[in-house]
Amino acid sequence: MGDRERHPMEAAKVLIPEKGPTATQALTVAIMFPLGGLLLTVAGLTLTGSVIGLVVLAPVFLLFSPVLVPAALLMALAVAGFLASGAFGLTGLSSLGYTLKQAMGVVQRAPEQIDYGKRRMAEAAGQMGQKTKDVGQAVQSRAEEAKRT
């Protein structure tokens, strides 16, 4: 007998697994099926209530829209203003904190930097003194050569 001559029931049995669901799976389905149905019912009721509310309140919104639209715009702008004010305040505080931290770092490093500056000035003064001495000697030696000639 070929595959084409097989009985339809035997073909369907191939699709069904040989072992059934576990007890945990059966319990999960038994609990979740009613819960899913309940949630689907609540979703349907919410949708129905929303549609009825929209149908009833649409004329009211249409009548009061000249008042509601500017009021909503005013509220949106006020909220945006408060949020921007808070953002600017936080930015200012963080900038002030950063500046204070940098200033404290400069104050703590100031004695070291002053000592470093003094050393550099002393070195520069010593070098300038040596150069002045060298230039003075060079000028003096040229003056003496000029007198000789």
N, C-alpha and C. Protein backbone atom coordinates (compact mmCIF):
# COMPACT_ATOMS: atom_id res chain seq x y z
N MET A 1 0.83 -1.18 0.00
CA MET A 1 0.00 0.00 0.00
C MET A 1 0.87 1.25 0.00
N GLY A 2 0.62 2.15 -0.91
CA GLY A 2 1.40 3.38 -1.02
C GLY A 2 0.86 4.46 -0.09
N ASP A 3 1.55 5.56 -0.09
CA ASP A 3 1.13 6.67 0.77
C ASP A 3 -0.19 7.26 0.31
N ARG A 4 -0.49 7.15 -0.98
CA ARG A 4 -1.72 7.74 -1.51
C ARG A 4 -2.94 6.93 -1.11
N GLU A 5 -2.79 5.68 -0.82
CA GLU A 5 -3.93 4.82 -0.51
C GLU A 5 -4.16 4.74 1.00
N ARG A 6 -3.42 5.52 1.80
CA ARG A 6 -3.58 5.47 3.25
C ARG A 6 -4.92 6.06 3.66
N HIS A 7 -5.50 5.56 4.72
CA HIS A 7 -6.78 6.02 5.22
C HIS A 7 -6.61 7.42 5.82
N PRO A 8 -7.61 8.33 5.66
CA PRO A 8 -7.49 9.70 6.18
C PRO A 8 -7.25 9.75 7.70
N MET A 9 -7.80 8.83 8.46
CA MET A 9 -7.61 8.84 9.91
C MET A 9 -6.16 8.55 10.28
N GLU A 10 -5.54 7.66 9.52
CA GLU A 10 -4.14 7.35 9.79
C GLU A 10 -3.25 8.56 9.48
N ALA A 11 -3.59 9.31 8.46
CA ALA A 11 -2.83 10.52 8.12
C ALA A 11 -2.98 11.56 9.22
N ALA A 12 -4.16 11.65 9.82
CA ALA A 12 -4.39 12.62 10.89
C ALA A 12 -3.65 12.21 12.15
N LYS A 13 -3.50 10.92 12.41
CA LYS A 13 -2.80 10.44 13.60
C LYS A 13 -1.33 10.82 13.58
N VAL A 14 -0.77 10.97 12.40
CA VAL A 14 0.64 11.36 12.28
C VAL A 14 0.84 12.78 12.83
N LEU A 15 -0.16 13.63 12.68
CA LEU A 15 -0.06 15.01 13.13
C LEU A 15 -0.22 15.15 14.64
N ILE A 16 -0.87 14.19 15.28
CA ILE A 16 -1.11 14.26 16.73
C ILE A 16 0.09 13.64 17.45
N PRO A 17 0.64 14.35 18.45
CA PRO A 17 1.78 13.78 19.18
C PRO A 17 1.36 12.54 19.95
N GLU A 18 2.29 11.63 20.15
CA GLU A 18 1.97 10.36 20.81
C GLU A 18 1.73 10.54 22.29
N LYS A 19 2.47 11.45 22.95
CA LYS A 19 2.22 11.64 24.38
C LYS A 19 1.45 12.95 24.58
N GLY A 20 0.61 12.99 25.58
CA GLY A 20 -0.25 14.14 25.83
C GLY A 20 0.49 15.23 26.59
N PRO A 21 -0.22 16.32 26.90
CA PRO A 21 0.40 17.43 27.63
C PRO A 21 0.70 17.01 29.07
N THR A 22 1.69 17.69 29.66
CA THR A 22 2.03 17.41 31.05
C THR A 22 0.98 18.03 31.95
N ALA A 23 1.02 17.66 33.23
CA ALA A 23 0.06 18.20 34.19
C ALA A 23 0.22 19.71 34.34
N THR A 24 1.46 20.19 34.29
CA THR A 24 1.71 21.64 34.41
C THR A 24 1.12 22.39 33.23
N GLN A 25 1.29 21.83 32.04
CA GLN A 25 0.73 22.48 30.86
C GLN A 25 -0.79 22.49 30.91
N ALA A 26 -1.39 21.39 31.34
CA ALA A 26 -2.85 21.31 31.43
C ALA A 26 -3.37 22.30 32.46
N LEU A 27 -2.70 22.41 33.61
CA LEU A 27 -3.11 23.36 34.65
C LEU A 27 -2.97 24.79 34.16
N THR A 28 -1.89 25.06 33.43
CA THR A 28 -1.69 26.41 32.88
C THR A 28 -2.80 26.79 31.92
N VAL A 29 -3.17 25.87 31.04
CA VAL A 29 -4.26 26.15 30.09
C VAL A 29 -5.57 26.32 30.84
N ALA A 30 -5.80 25.49 31.85
CA ALA A 30 -7.06 25.56 32.61
C ALA A 30 -7.19 26.89 33.36
N ILE A 31 -6.08 27.45 33.80
CA ILE A 31 -6.14 28.73 34.52
C ILE A 31 -6.15 29.90 33.55
N MET A 32 -5.34 29.84 32.49
CA MET A 32 -5.18 30.98 31.59
C MET A 32 -6.35 31.16 30.63
N PHE A 33 -7.02 30.09 30.27
CA PHE A 33 -8.14 30.22 29.33
C PHE A 33 -9.25 31.11 29.90
N PRO A 34 -9.75 30.85 31.14
CA PRO A 34 -10.78 31.75 31.67
C PRO A 34 -10.26 33.16 31.93
N LEU A 35 -8.98 33.26 32.37
CA LEU A 35 -8.41 34.58 32.61
C LEU A 35 -8.31 35.38 31.31
N GLY A 36 -7.89 34.72 30.23
CA GLY A 36 -7.83 35.38 28.93
C GLY A 36 -9.21 35.81 28.46
N GLY A 37 -10.21 34.95 28.66
CA GLY A 37 -11.58 35.32 28.30
C GLY A 37 -12.07 36.52 29.10
N LEU A 38 -11.76 36.54 30.39
CA LEU A 38 -12.17 37.67 31.24
C LEU A 38 -11.50 38.96 30.76
N LEU A 39 -10.20 38.91 30.47
CA LEU A 39 -9.49 40.11 30.00
C LEU A 39 -10.02 40.57 28.64
N LEU A 40 -10.35 39.63 27.77
CA LEU A 40 -10.92 39.99 26.48
C LEU A 40 -12.29 40.66 26.65
N THR A 41 -13.08 40.16 27.60
CA THR A 41 -14.39 40.77 27.89
C THR A 41 -14.22 42.19 28.41
N VAL A 42 -13.28 42.38 29.34
CA VAL A 42 -13.04 43.72 29.90
C VAL A 42 -12.56 44.66 28.79
N ALA A 43 -11.71 44.18 27.89
CA ALA A 43 -11.25 45.02 26.78
C ALA A 43 -12.41 45.42 25.88
N GLY A 44 -13.32 44.49 25.61
CA GLY A 44 -14.50 44.80 24.80
C GLY A 44 -15.39 45.83 25.47
N LEU A 45 -15.61 45.67 26.78
CA LEU A 45 -16.42 46.65 27.51
C LEU A 45 -15.78 48.03 27.51
N THR A 46 -14.47 48.06 27.66
CA THR A 46 -13.76 49.35 27.64
C THR A 46 -13.89 50.01 26.28
N LEU A 47 -13.74 49.23 25.21
CA LEU A 47 -13.89 49.78 23.87
C LEU A 47 -15.31 50.29 23.65
N THR A 48 -16.29 49.52 24.10
CA THR A 48 -17.69 49.94 23.94
C THR A 48 -17.95 51.24 24.71
N GLY A 49 -17.46 51.30 25.93
CA GLY A 49 -17.63 52.52 26.73
C GLY A 49 -16.95 53.72 26.10
N SER A 50 -15.77 53.52 25.53
CA SER A 50 -15.05 54.62 24.88
C SER A 50 -15.82 55.12 23.66
N VAL A 51 -16.34 54.20 22.87
CA VAL A 51 -17.09 54.61 21.68
C VAL A 51 -18.36 55.36 22.07
N ILE A 52 -19.08 54.86 23.08
CA ILE A 52 -20.31 55.54 23.53
C ILE A 52 -19.97 56.92 24.08
N GLY A 53 -18.89 57.01 24.88
CA GLY A 53 -18.47 58.31 25.41
C GLY A 53 -18.09 59.28 24.31
N LEU A 54 -17.41 58.80 23.30
CA LEU A 54 -17.03 59.67 22.19
C LEU A 54 -18.26 60.15 21.42
N VAL A 55 -19.22 59.24 21.19
CA VAL A 55 -20.45 59.64 20.48
C VAL A 55 -21.23 60.67 21.28
N VAL A 56 -21.31 60.49 22.59
CA VAL A 56 -22.08 61.43 23.43
C VAL A 56 -21.34 62.76 23.58
N LEU A 57 -20.03 62.72 23.75
CA LEU A 57 -19.29 63.94 24.04
C LEU A 57 -18.79 64.69 22.81
N ALA A 58 -18.86 64.09 21.63
CA ALA A 58 -18.40 64.77 20.42
C ALA A 58 -19.13 66.10 20.19
N PRO A 59 -20.46 66.13 20.31
CA PRO A 59 -21.13 67.43 20.14
C PRO A 59 -20.71 68.45 21.22
N VAL A 60 -20.48 67.97 22.43
CA VAL A 60 -20.05 68.88 23.49
C VAL A 60 -18.66 69.45 23.17
N PHE A 61 -17.76 68.59 22.71
CA PHE A 61 -16.44 69.07 22.32
C PHE A 61 -16.53 70.06 21.16
N LEU A 62 -17.43 69.79 20.22
CA LEU A 62 -17.59 70.67 19.07
C LEU A 62 -18.12 72.03 19.51
N LEU A 63 -19.08 72.04 20.44
CA LEU A 63 -19.64 73.31 20.92
C LEU A 63 -18.63 74.11 21.72
N PHE A 64 -17.85 73.42 22.56
CA PHE A 64 -16.92 74.13 23.43
C PHE A 64 -15.51 74.22 22.87
N SER A 65 -15.29 73.81 21.64
CA SER A 65 -13.94 73.83 21.08
C SER A 65 -13.33 75.23 21.02
N PRO A 66 -14.14 76.31 20.78
CA PRO A 66 -13.52 77.64 20.80
C PRO A 66 -12.94 77.99 22.18
N VAL A 67 -13.40 77.34 23.22
CA VAL A 67 -12.86 77.59 24.55
C VAL A 67 -11.81 76.53 24.91
N LEU A 68 -12.09 75.29 24.54
CA LEU A 68 -11.21 74.19 24.94
C LEU A 68 -9.86 74.22 24.23
N VAL A 69 -9.85 74.55 22.95
CA VAL A 69 -8.59 74.55 22.20
C VAL A 69 -7.61 75.59 22.74
N PRO A 70 -8.03 76.85 22.93
CA PRO A 70 -7.08 77.81 23.51
C PRO A 70 -6.68 77.44 24.95
N ALA A 71 -7.62 76.88 25.70
CA ALA A 71 -7.28 76.48 27.07
C ALA A 71 -6.26 75.34 27.07
N ALA A 72 -6.43 74.38 26.18
CA ALA A 72 -5.47 73.28 26.08
C ALA A 72 -4.11 73.80 25.61
N LEU A 73 -4.13 74.74 24.66
CA LEU A 73 -2.88 75.33 24.18
C LEU A 73 -2.18 76.10 25.30
N LEU A 74 -2.96 76.84 26.07
CA LEU A 74 -2.40 77.59 27.19
C LEU A 74 -1.79 76.65 28.23
N MET A 75 -2.49 75.58 28.52
CA MET A 75 -1.98 74.61 29.50
C MET A 75 -0.69 73.96 28.97
N ALA A 76 -0.67 73.62 27.69
CA ALA A 76 0.53 73.00 27.10
C ALA A 76 1.71 73.95 27.16
N LEU A 77 1.46 75.22 26.84
CA LEU A 77 2.55 76.20 26.90
C LEU A 77 3.02 76.44 28.33
N ALA A 78 2.08 76.45 29.28
CA ALA A 78 2.47 76.63 30.68
C ALA A 78 3.32 75.46 31.16
N VAL A 79 2.91 74.25 30.82
CA VAL A 79 3.70 73.08 31.22
C VAL A 79 5.07 73.12 30.56
N ALA A 80 5.12 73.49 29.27
CA ALA A 80 6.41 73.58 28.58
C ALA A 80 7.30 74.65 29.23
N GLY A 81 6.69 75.77 29.65
CA GLY A 81 7.44 76.82 30.32
C GLY A 81 8.02 76.35 31.65
N PHE A 82 7.20 75.65 32.44
CA PHE A 82 7.70 75.13 33.72
C PHE A 82 8.82 74.12 33.51
N LEU A 83 8.67 73.25 32.51
CA LEU A 83 9.72 72.27 32.23
C LEU A 83 11.00 72.95 31.76
N ALA A 84 10.86 73.94 30.89
CA ALA A 84 12.05 74.67 30.42
C ALA A 84 12.71 75.41 31.57
N SER A 85 11.91 76.01 32.44
CA SER A 85 12.46 76.72 33.60
C SER A 85 13.24 75.76 34.49
N GLY A 86 12.67 74.60 34.73
CA GLY A 86 13.38 73.61 35.54
C GLY A 86 14.67 73.14 34.87
N ALA A 87 14.63 72.95 33.56
CA ALA A 87 15.83 72.52 32.84
C ALA A 87 16.91 73.59 32.90
N PHE A 88 16.50 74.86 32.73
CA PHE A 88 17.49 75.94 32.81
C PHE A 88 18.05 76.06 34.22
N GLY A 89 17.20 75.86 35.22
CA GLY A 89 17.67 75.91 36.61
C GLY A 89 18.67 74.81 36.89
N LEU A 90 18.37 73.60 36.44
CA LEU A 90 19.32 72.49 36.64
C LEU A 90 20.63 72.74 35.90
N THR A 91 20.53 73.30 34.69
CA THR A 91 21.74 73.61 33.94
C THR A 91 22.58 74.65 34.67
N GLY A 92 21.91 75.68 35.20
CA GLY A 92 22.62 76.71 35.95
C GLY A 92 23.29 76.16 37.19
N LEU A 93 22.56 75.31 37.93
CA LEU A 93 23.14 74.73 39.14
C LEU A 93 24.33 73.83 38.82
N SER A 94 24.20 73.03 37.77
CA SER A 94 25.32 72.15 37.42
C SER A 94 26.51 72.97 36.93
N SER A 95 26.26 74.05 36.20
CA SER A 95 27.36 74.91 35.75
C SER A 95 28.04 75.58 36.94
N LEU A 96 27.24 76.03 37.89
CA LEU A 96 27.79 76.65 39.10
C LEU A 96 28.62 75.64 39.89
N GLY A 97 28.12 74.43 40.01
CA GLY A 97 28.86 73.39 40.71
C GLY A 97 30.17 73.06 40.01
N TYR A 98 30.14 72.98 38.68
CA TYR A 98 31.35 72.70 37.92
C TYR A 98 32.37 73.83 38.11
N THR A 99 31.90 75.09 38.04
CA THR A 99 32.79 76.23 38.21
C THR A 99 33.39 76.23 39.61
N LEU A 100 32.57 75.94 40.62
CA LEU A 100 33.05 75.89 41.99
C LEU A 100 34.09 74.78 42.15
N LYS A 101 33.84 73.63 41.56
CA LYS A 101 34.80 72.52 41.64
C LYS A 101 36.12 72.91 40.98
N GLN A 102 36.06 73.55 39.82
CA GLN A 102 37.29 73.99 39.15
C GLN A 102 38.02 75.04 39.98
N ALA A 103 37.27 75.97 40.59
CA ALA A 103 37.90 77.01 41.41
C ALA A 103 38.57 76.39 42.64
N MET A 104 37.92 75.41 43.25
CA MET A 104 38.53 74.75 44.40
C MET A 104 39.80 74.01 43.99
N GLY A 105 39.81 73.43 42.81
CA GLY A 105 41.01 72.75 42.32
C GLY A 105 42.14 73.73 42.09
N VAL A 106 41.80 74.93 41.57
CA VAL A 106 42.83 75.95 41.33
C VAL A 106 43.38 76.44 42.67
N VAL A 107 42.51 76.64 43.65
CA VAL A 107 42.96 77.12 44.96
C VAL A 107 43.87 76.07 45.62
N GLN A 108 43.53 74.80 45.47
CA GLN A 108 44.35 73.75 46.08
C GLN A 108 45.69 73.61 45.36
N ARG A 109 45.71 73.86 44.06
CA ARG A 109 46.96 73.75 43.30
C ARG A 109 47.75 75.05 43.30
N ALA A 110 47.19 76.15 43.82
CA ALA A 110 47.84 77.46 43.74
C ALA A 110 49.22 77.48 44.39
N PRO A 111 49.43 76.95 45.61
CA PRO A 111 50.78 77.02 46.20
C PRO A 111 51.82 76.30 45.34
N GLU A 112 51.47 75.16 44.79
CA GLU A 112 52.41 74.44 43.93
C GLU A 112 52.72 75.24 42.68
N GLN A 113 51.69 75.85 42.11
CA GLN A 113 51.90 76.63 40.89
C GLN A 113 52.71 77.89 41.18
N ILE A 114 52.50 78.49 42.34
CA ILE A 114 53.26 79.69 42.70
C ILE A 114 54.73 79.32 42.88
N ASP A 115 55.00 78.20 43.54
CA ASP A 115 56.39 77.77 43.71
C ASP A 115 57.02 77.46 42.36
N TYR A 116 56.28 76.80 41.50
CA TYR A 116 56.79 76.49 40.16
C TYR A 116 57.09 77.78 39.40
N GLY A 117 56.19 78.76 39.51
CA GLY A 117 56.40 80.05 38.84
C GLY A 117 57.63 80.77 39.38
N LYS A 118 57.83 80.72 40.71
CA LYS A 118 59.01 81.36 41.31
C LYS A 118 60.29 80.71 40.80
N ARG A 119 60.28 79.36 40.73
CA ARG A 119 61.47 78.66 40.24
C ARG A 119 61.76 79.05 38.78
N ARG A 120 60.70 79.08 37.97
CA ARG A 120 60.88 79.43 36.56
C ARG A 120 61.40 80.87 36.42
N MET A 121 60.86 81.79 37.24
CA MET A 121 61.32 83.18 37.18
C MET A 121 62.78 83.28 37.61
N ALA A 122 63.17 82.52 38.63
CA ALA A 122 64.56 82.55 39.08
C ALA A 122 65.48 82.01 37.98
N GLU A 123 65.04 80.90 37.34
CA GLU A 123 65.84 80.35 36.24
C GLU A 123 65.95 81.35 35.10
N ALA A 124 64.82 81.99 34.76
CA ALA A 124 64.83 82.97 33.67
C ALA A 124 65.72 84.15 34.03
N ALA A 125 65.65 84.60 35.28
CA ALA A 125 66.49 85.72 35.71
C ALA A 125 67.96 85.34 35.65
N GLY A 126 68.28 84.11 36.06
CA GLY A 126 69.68 83.65 35.99
C GLY A 126 70.16 83.59 34.56
N GLN A 127 69.31 83.08 33.67
CA GLN A 127 69.70 83.01 32.26
C GLN A 127 69.88 84.40 31.66
N MET A 128 68.97 85.31 32.02
CA MET A 128 69.09 86.68 31.50
C MET A 128 70.35 87.35 32.04
N GLY A 129 70.67 87.11 33.31
CA GLY A 129 71.90 87.68 33.88
C GLY A 129 73.12 87.16 33.14
N GLN A 130 73.14 85.87 32.86
CA GLN A 130 74.27 85.28 32.15
C GLN A 130 74.38 85.86 30.75
N LYS A 131 73.22 85.99 30.06
CA LYS A 131 73.24 86.55 28.71
C LYS A 131 73.71 88.00 28.74
N THR A 132 73.25 88.75 29.74
CA THR A 132 73.66 90.15 29.87
C THR A 132 75.17 90.24 30.07
N LYS A 133 75.67 89.37 30.90
CA LYS A 133 77.10 89.33 31.16
C LYS A 133 77.87 89.01 29.88
N ASP A 134 77.37 88.00 29.13
CA ASP A 134 78.03 87.61 27.88
C ASP A 134 78.00 88.75 26.86
N VAL A 135 76.86 89.41 26.74
CA VAL A 135 76.73 90.52 25.79
C VAL A 135 77.64 91.67 26.22
N GLY A 136 77.67 91.93 27.53
CA GLY A 136 78.55 93.01 28.04
C GLY A 136 80.00 92.73 27.72
N GLN A 137 80.42 91.50 27.90
CA GLN A 137 81.80 91.13 27.60
C GLN A 137 82.08 91.26 26.10
N ALA A 138 81.12 90.83 25.28
CA ALA A 138 81.30 90.93 23.83
C ALA A 138 81.42 92.39 23.41
N VAL A 139 80.59 93.26 23.98
CA VAL A 139 80.64 94.69 23.64
C VAL A 139 81.98 95.26 24.08
N GLN A 140 82.41 94.89 25.27
CA GLN A 140 83.66 95.41 25.81
C GLN A 140 84.84 94.96 24.95
N SER A 141 84.83 93.69 24.53
CA SER A 141 85.94 93.22 23.71
C SER A 141 85.94 93.90 22.35
N ARG A 142 84.81 94.17 21.77
CA ARG A 142 84.75 94.87 20.48
C ARG A 142 85.20 96.32 20.63
N ALA A 143 84.82 96.90 21.77
CA ALA A 143 85.24 98.30 22.00
C ALA A 143 86.77 98.36 22.11
N GLU A 144 87.34 97.40 22.77
CA GLU A 144 88.80 97.37 22.90
C GLU A 144 89.46 97.14 21.54
N GLU A 145 88.87 96.28 20.71
CA GLU A 145 89.42 96.05 19.36
C GLU A 145 89.31 97.30 18.54
N ALA A 146 88.22 98.02 18.69
CA ALA A 146 88.02 99.24 17.92
C ALA A 146 89.06 100.29 18.34
N LYS A 147 89.45 100.32 19.62
CA LYS A 147 90.43 101.29 20.09
C LYS A 147 91.79 100.93 19.52
N ARG A 148 92.09 99.69 19.39
CA ARG A 148 93.38 99.26 18.90
C ARG A 148 93.56 99.58 17.41
N THR A 149 92.51 99.54 16.69
CA THR A 149 92.65 99.77 15.24
C THR A 149 92.54 101.20 14.87
